[in-house]
Amino acid sequence: MTTLLVVDDTPETLGFLTDTLDGAGFTVLIATDGSSALELVDQITPDLVLMDAVMPGLDGFETCRRLKNDKLLTHLPVIFMTGLSETEDVVRGLAAGGIDYVTKPIVIDELLARIRVHLVNARITRGSRAALDATGRFLLATDNADQLLWCTPKAKQLLAELFPDSAGVLSGGLPPAIVERLRHLRLARSRASVRSYLDVGNRRLELSFLSSLGPDELLFRLTEVSESADEQLLQRSLELTCREAQVLLWISRGKSNREIGEILHISPRTVNKHLEQVFVKLGVENRAAAAARAVGCLM
């Protein structure tokens, strides 16, 4: 599923865009300022960023420049959103690394059309391994026979930690349990969102299919799912139960109720009930507002 990051300091705009983009089939991450956007991108790389140009603190122009200073993110399309429409403002946004510019109030059909065009162009420009095989990414690629083609250093390190007795991690093969999960993902990759989970001791690994890089090259991402200090901080700061904090944390990371249920081993209905309690405790009305509170709390 395509992931978009919306960066805006206005709750109304965040709520509107989150609901609209989610309805259009995108996974939506949110950040309420430039600093939190940079921190979020360090953890999850979106496919495209919608960036408010004028924000307190680190504005959208400087945030975009810092993103583009990372050689791993030069391909990342950034569309600026703002009420500014003077030529010098447009030039400033493009000079900062933006690829397009839309003015508020946003015409949603136009925005969706621009998003889809830039996503296609970014994927063509990015190519296959050139922009992906880099440090800091937990990625690997297999062929259609589930044989390992290549693996980033981070992914290799994680697999070696989880499977210390499996020499195949270092010699070109993969542990049988990983091969089984990747085979499932390969066969199910026509679905909109494809993930599988594997428990290794007291650690949990999320495997997700990203894309086909060629006729016989499939790209997968590894993510370790674990309780973190972030959960504890949300629990203490917002007076939530442990489970409510877990649900809110994953909401802030763009996960759907179904995906959170898979991670936490509970039903989507149960996730929704916890989320209803979170809304009441935080005094908010929707997921976007709750996620914004979580992001603000974790800054």
Protein backbone atom coordinates (compact mmCIF):
# COMPACT_ATOMS: atom_id res chain seq x y z
CA MET A 1 0.00 0.00 0.00
CA THR A 2 1.25 3.50 -0.84
CA THR A 3 2.18 5.57 2.20
CA LEU A 4 1.79 9.35 2.29
CA LEU A 5 3.12 11.69 4.96
CA VAL A 6 1.02 14.80 5.62
CA VAL A 7 2.86 17.60 7.46
CA ASP A 8 0.61 20.42 8.68
CA ASP A 9 0.13 22.27 11.96
CA THR A 10 -3.63 22.74 11.48
CA PRO A 11 -5.81 19.97 12.99
CA GLU A 12 -8.66 20.71 10.58
CA THR A 13 -6.40 20.26 7.55
CA LEU A 14 -4.88 17.10 8.99
CA GLY A 15 -8.30 15.61 9.66
CA PHE A 16 -9.65 16.51 6.23
CA LEU A 17 -6.64 15.16 4.33
CA THR A 18 -6.35 12.02 6.46
CA ASP A 19 -9.99 11.07 5.86
CA THR A 20 -9.84 11.92 2.16
CA LEU A 21 -6.55 10.17 1.42
CA ASP A 22 -7.51 7.14 3.49
CA GLY A 23 -10.74 6.94 1.48
CA ALA A 24 -8.66 7.04 -1.72
CA GLY A 25 -6.76 3.93 -0.60
CA PHE A 26 -3.57 5.46 0.80
CA THR A 27 -1.92 4.78 4.14
CA VAL A 28 -1.55 8.15 5.84
CA LEU A 29 1.10 9.24 8.35
CA ILE A 30 0.90 12.67 9.96
CA ALA A 31 3.26 15.16 11.55
CA THR A 32 2.33 18.52 13.03
CA ASP A 33 5.66 20.27 12.39
CA GLY A 34 8.91 19.92 10.50
CA SER A 35 10.95 18.44 13.35
CA SER A 36 8.49 15.62 14.02
CA ALA A 37 8.28 14.95 10.27
CA LEU A 38 12.04 14.45 10.09
CA GLU A 39 11.95 12.11 13.09
CA LEU A 40 9.12 10.10 11.57
CA VAL A 41 10.89 9.73 8.22
CA ASP A 42 13.91 8.34 10.10
CA GLN A 43 11.66 5.43 11.11
CA ILE A 44 9.35 5.05 8.11
CA THR A 45 10.07 6.24 4.58
CA PRO A 46 6.82 7.37 2.89
CA ASP A 47 6.23 7.27 -0.85
CA LEU A 48 5.29 10.97 -1.02
CA VAL A 49 5.09 13.98 1.32
CA LEU A 50 2.40 16.66 1.41
CA MET A 51 4.13 19.58 3.12
CA ASP A 52 2.59 22.74 4.57
CA ALA A 53 4.97 25.55 3.67
CA VAL A 54 4.22 27.89 6.58
CA MET A 55 4.55 26.33 10.04
CA PRO A 56 5.91 27.60 13.35
CA GLY A 57 9.44 26.53 14.18
CA LEU A 58 10.93 24.53 11.32
CA ASP A 59 8.92 25.58 8.28
CA GLY A 60 8.13 23.41 5.27
CA PHE A 61 10.87 24.88 3.07
CA GLU A 62 13.65 24.10 5.55
CA THR A 63 12.14 20.69 6.35
CA CYS A 64 12.19 19.82 2.66
CA ARG A 65 15.80 20.96 2.31
CA ARG A 66 16.85 18.73 5.20
CA LEU A 67 15.01 15.76 3.72
CA LYS A 68 16.74 16.27 0.39
CA ASN A 69 20.15 16.48 2.11
CA ASP A 70 19.76 12.77 2.87
CA LYS A 71 20.96 10.95 -0.24
CA LEU A 72 18.54 8.11 0.52
CA LEU A 73 15.60 10.52 0.22
CA THR A 74 16.50 12.49 -2.89
CA HIS A 75 13.86 10.52 -4.80
CA LEU A 76 11.10 11.36 -2.28
CA PRO A 77 8.45 13.60 -3.92
CA VAL A 78 7.42 16.61 -1.83
CA ILE A 79 4.27 18.54 -2.77
CA PHE A 80 3.92 21.88 -0.98
CA MET A 81 0.52 23.01 0.31
CA THR A 82 0.02 26.64 1.23
CA GLY A 83 -2.09 29.74 0.88
CA LEU A 84 0.93 31.52 -0.60
CA SER A 85 0.70 31.90 -4.34
CA GLU A 86 3.23 34.57 -5.30
CA THR A 87 5.81 33.54 -7.88
CA GLU A 88 8.69 33.92 -5.44
CA ASP A 89 6.99 31.53 -3.01
CA VAL A 90 6.53 28.93 -5.75
CA VAL A 91 10.19 29.33 -6.75
CA ARG A 92 11.24 29.04 -3.11
CA GLY A 93 9.37 25.75 -2.72
CA LEU A 94 10.86 24.28 -5.88
CA ALA A 95 14.33 25.48 -4.91
CA ALA A 96 13.97 23.71 -1.56
CA GLY A 97 13.44 20.42 -3.39
CA GLY A 98 9.68 20.36 -3.83
CA ILE A 99 8.30 18.76 -6.97
CA ASP A 100 4.94 20.51 -7.07
CA TYR A 101 2.86 23.21 -5.39
CA VAL A 102 -0.86 23.35 -4.56
CA THR A 103 -2.65 26.29 -3.00
CA LYS A 104 -5.26 26.28 -0.27
CA PRO A 105 -8.17 25.76 -0.23
CA ILE A 106 -7.21 22.42 -1.73
CA VAL A 107 -9.16 21.02 -4.68
CA ILE A 108 -9.06 17.36 -3.73
CA ASP A 109 -9.53 15.86 -7.22
CA GLU A 110 -6.63 17.94 -8.50
CA LEU A 111 -4.48 16.97 -5.52
CA LEU A 112 -5.18 13.24 -6.01
CA ALA A 113 -4.32 13.50 -9.70
CA ARG A 114 -1.03 15.23 -8.91
CA ILE A 115 -0.18 12.66 -6.22
CA ARG A 116 -0.72 9.74 -8.59
CA VAL A 117 1.36 11.30 -11.37
CA HIS A 118 4.28 12.05 -9.06
CA LEU A 119 4.16 8.59 -7.49
CA VAL A 120 4.52 7.00 -10.92
CA ASN A 121 7.34 9.35 -11.90
CA ALA A 122 9.17 8.74 -8.60
CA ARG A 123 9.05 4.98 -9.04
CA ILE A 124 10.42 5.24 -12.55
CA THR A 125 13.18 7.62 -11.47
CA ARG A 126 14.07 5.62 -8.39
CA GLY A 127 14.70 2.46 -10.33
CA SER A 128 15.26 -0.74 -8.45
CA ARG A 129 18.20 -1.35 -6.19
CA ALA A 130 20.16 1.87 -6.80
CA ALA A 131 17.99 3.91 -4.43
CA LEU A 132 17.15 1.06 -2.07
CA ASP A 133 20.31 -0.89 -1.38
CA ALA A 134 21.70 1.48 1.25
CA THR A 135 22.52 1.50 4.92
CA GLY A 136 19.71 2.22 7.32
CA ARG A 137 17.08 0.15 5.47
CA PHE A 138 15.86 -3.30 6.51
CA LEU A 139 15.29 -4.60 2.98
CA LEU A 140 15.88 -7.80 1.05
CA ALA A 141 14.98 -9.11 -2.39
CA THR A 142 14.21 -12.65 -3.54
CA ASP A 143 13.41 -14.26 -6.86
CA ASN A 144 10.16 -16.08 -7.62
CA ALA A 145 11.63 -19.27 -6.19
CA ASP A 146 12.14 -17.54 -2.80
CA GLN A 147 15.91 -17.49 -3.18
CA LEU A 148 17.73 -14.52 -1.68
CA LEU A 149 19.09 -12.13 -4.33
CA TRP A 150 20.44 -9.36 -2.11
CA CYS A 151 20.09 -8.03 1.40
CA THR A 152 20.92 -4.65 2.93
CA PRO A 153 23.42 -4.62 5.79
CA LYS A 154 20.75 -3.68 8.33
CA ALA A 155 18.49 -6.57 7.30
CA LYS A 156 21.38 -9.02 7.37
CA GLN A 157 22.35 -7.86 10.87
CA LEU A 158 18.77 -8.22 12.14
CA LEU A 159 18.40 -11.73 10.72
CA ALA A 160 21.75 -12.76 12.18
CA GLU A 161 20.58 -11.56 15.61
CA LEU A 162 17.26 -13.37 15.38
CA PHE A 163 18.69 -16.58 13.90
CA PRO A 164 22.23 -16.93 15.30
CA ASP A 165 22.36 -20.65 14.49
CA SER A 166 21.41 -20.14 10.85
CA ALA A 167 24.64 -19.80 8.91
CA GLY A 168 22.58 -19.31 5.76
CA VAL A 169 21.95 -15.68 6.67
CA LEU A 170 25.58 -14.92 5.97
CA SER A 171 26.13 -17.32 3.06
CA GLY A 172 23.30 -16.25 0.76
CA GLY A 173 20.39 -18.32 2.08
CA LEU A 174 17.54 -17.51 4.45
CA PRO A 175 16.23 -19.31 7.55
CA PRO A 176 13.36 -21.70 6.66
CA ALA A 177 10.87 -19.76 8.82
CA ILE A 178 11.66 -16.57 6.88
CA VAL A 179 11.39 -18.38 3.53
CA GLU A 180 7.95 -19.67 4.53
CA ARG A 181 6.68 -16.18 5.37
CA LEU A 182 8.15 -14.65 2.21
CA ARG A 183 6.50 -17.36 0.11
CA HIS A 184 3.15 -16.47 1.68
CA LEU A 185 3.73 -12.79 0.92
CA ARG A 186 4.79 -13.55 -2.66
CA LEU A 187 1.63 -15.56 -3.32
CA ALA A 188 -0.60 -12.94 -1.65
CA ARG A 189 1.06 -9.83 -3.11
CA SER A 190 -1.95 -8.90 -5.25
CA ARG A 191 -3.72 -7.74 -2.06
CA ALA A 192 -3.64 -4.03 -1.23
CA SER A 193 -1.68 -4.52 2.01
CA VAL A 194 0.42 -7.65 2.49
CA ARG A 195 2.16 -8.37 5.79
CA SER A 196 3.12 -11.43 7.79
CA TYR A 197 4.38 -11.82 11.36
CA LEU A 198 6.91 -14.20 12.89
CA ASP A 199 7.64 -14.67 16.60
CA VAL A 200 11.27 -15.51 17.35
CA GLY A 201 11.73 -16.08 21.07
CA ASN A 202 10.43 -12.93 22.77
CA ARG A 203 10.89 -10.80 19.66
CA ARG A 204 8.41 -10.24 16.84
CA LEU A 205 9.23 -9.62 13.20
CA GLU A 206 6.91 -7.99 10.65
CA LEU A 207 7.61 -8.89 7.02
CA SER A 208 5.93 -6.87 4.28
CA PHE A 209 5.94 -7.02 0.50
CA LEU A 210 6.87 -3.66 -1.05
CA SER A 211 7.05 -4.07 -4.82
CA SER A 212 8.28 -6.03 -7.81
CA LEU A 213 11.60 -4.61 -8.96
CA GLY A 214 11.63 -6.72 -12.12
CA PRO A 215 10.15 -9.90 -13.60
CA ASP A 216 12.08 -12.04 -11.11
CA GLU A 217 13.00 -9.66 -8.26
CA LEU A 218 10.65 -9.01 -5.33
CA LEU A 219 11.36 -6.44 -2.63
CA PHE A 220 10.47 -7.05 1.04
CA ARG A 221 10.89 -5.00 4.22
CA LEU A 222 11.64 -6.31 7.72
CA THR A 223 10.44 -4.47 10.82
CA GLU A 224 10.91 -5.57 14.41
CA VAL A 225 7.72 -5.04 16.40
CA SER A 226 8.35 -4.53 20.08
CA GLU A 227 7.15 -2.64 23.11
CA SER A 228 9.05 0.57 23.40
CA ALA A 229 9.69 3.57 25.57
CA ASP A 230 7.24 5.42 23.31
CA GLU A 231 4.37 3.23 24.57
CA GLN A 232 5.33 3.89 28.17
CA LEU A 233 5.56 7.63 27.52
CA LEU A 234 2.08 7.72 25.96
CA GLN A 235 0.69 5.67 28.82
CA ARG A 236 2.11 7.99 31.48
CA SER A 237 1.59 11.33 29.74
CA LEU A 238 -1.94 10.73 28.47
CA GLU A 239 -3.15 8.52 31.34
CA LEU A 240 -3.92 5.55 29.09
CA THR A 241 -3.95 1.85 29.78
CA CYS A 242 -1.10 -0.22 28.36
CA ARG A 243 -3.29 -1.54 25.53
CA GLU A 244 -4.69 1.92 24.73
CA ALA A 245 -1.15 3.28 24.50
CA GLN A 246 -0.18 0.45 22.16
CA VAL A 247 -3.16 1.10 19.89
CA LEU A 248 -2.51 4.86 19.83
CA LEU A 249 1.18 4.38 19.03
CA TRP A 250 0.38 2.24 16.00
CA ILE A 251 -2.36 4.65 14.91
CA SER A 252 0.27 7.42 14.92
CA ARG A 253 2.42 5.21 12.67
CA GLY A 254 -0.29 4.91 10.07
CA LYS A 255 -1.53 1.38 10.80
CA SER A 256 -5.13 0.37 10.13
CA ASN A 257 -7.32 -1.39 12.74
CA ARG A 258 -6.79 -4.70 10.97
CA GLU A 259 -3.01 -4.28 10.95
CA ILE A 260 -2.96 -3.28 14.62
CA GLY A 261 -5.07 -6.32 15.45
CA GLU A 262 -2.52 -8.56 13.72
CA ILE A 263 0.37 -6.93 15.59
CA LEU A 264 -1.31 -7.08 19.02
CA HIS A 265 -3.14 -10.41 18.50
CA ILE A 266 -6.58 -8.87 19.01
CA SER A 267 -9.58 -8.40 16.73
CA PRO A 268 -10.13 -5.19 14.71
CA ARG A 269 -13.37 -4.72 16.70
CA THR A 270 -11.38 -4.78 19.94
CA VAL A 271 -8.91 -2.30 18.48
CA ASN A 272 -11.80 0.01 17.66
CA LYS A 273 -13.18 -0.22 21.21
CA HIS A 274 -9.78 0.72 22.65
CA LEU A 275 -9.61 3.58 20.17
CA GLU A 276 -13.02 4.85 21.27
CA GLN A 277 -11.73 5.03 24.84
CA VAL A 278 -8.63 6.87 23.61
CA PHE A 279 -10.85 9.46 21.90
CA VAL A 280 -12.76 10.03 25.14
CA LYS A 281 -9.63 10.34 27.29
CA LEU A 282 -7.90 12.70 24.85
CA GLY A 283 -11.03 14.73 24.12
CA VAL A 284 -10.70 14.24 20.34
CA GLU A 285 -13.13 13.09 17.68
CA ASN A 286 -11.10 11.21 15.07
CA ARG A 287 -7.96 9.19 14.33
CA ALA A 288 -6.08 12.12 12.85
CA ALA A 289 -6.51 14.24 15.95
CA ALA A 290 -5.54 11.34 18.23
CA ALA A 291 -2.45 10.64 16.13
CA ALA A 292 -1.52 14.32 16.24
CA ARG A 293 -1.70 14.26 20.05
CA ALA A 294 0.52 11.17 20.12
CA VAL A 295 3.10 12.70 17.77
CA GLY A 296 3.14 15.88 19.85
CA CYS A 297 3.57 13.90 23.05
CA LEU A 298 6.51 11.92 21.64
CA MET A 299 8.40 14.95 20.36
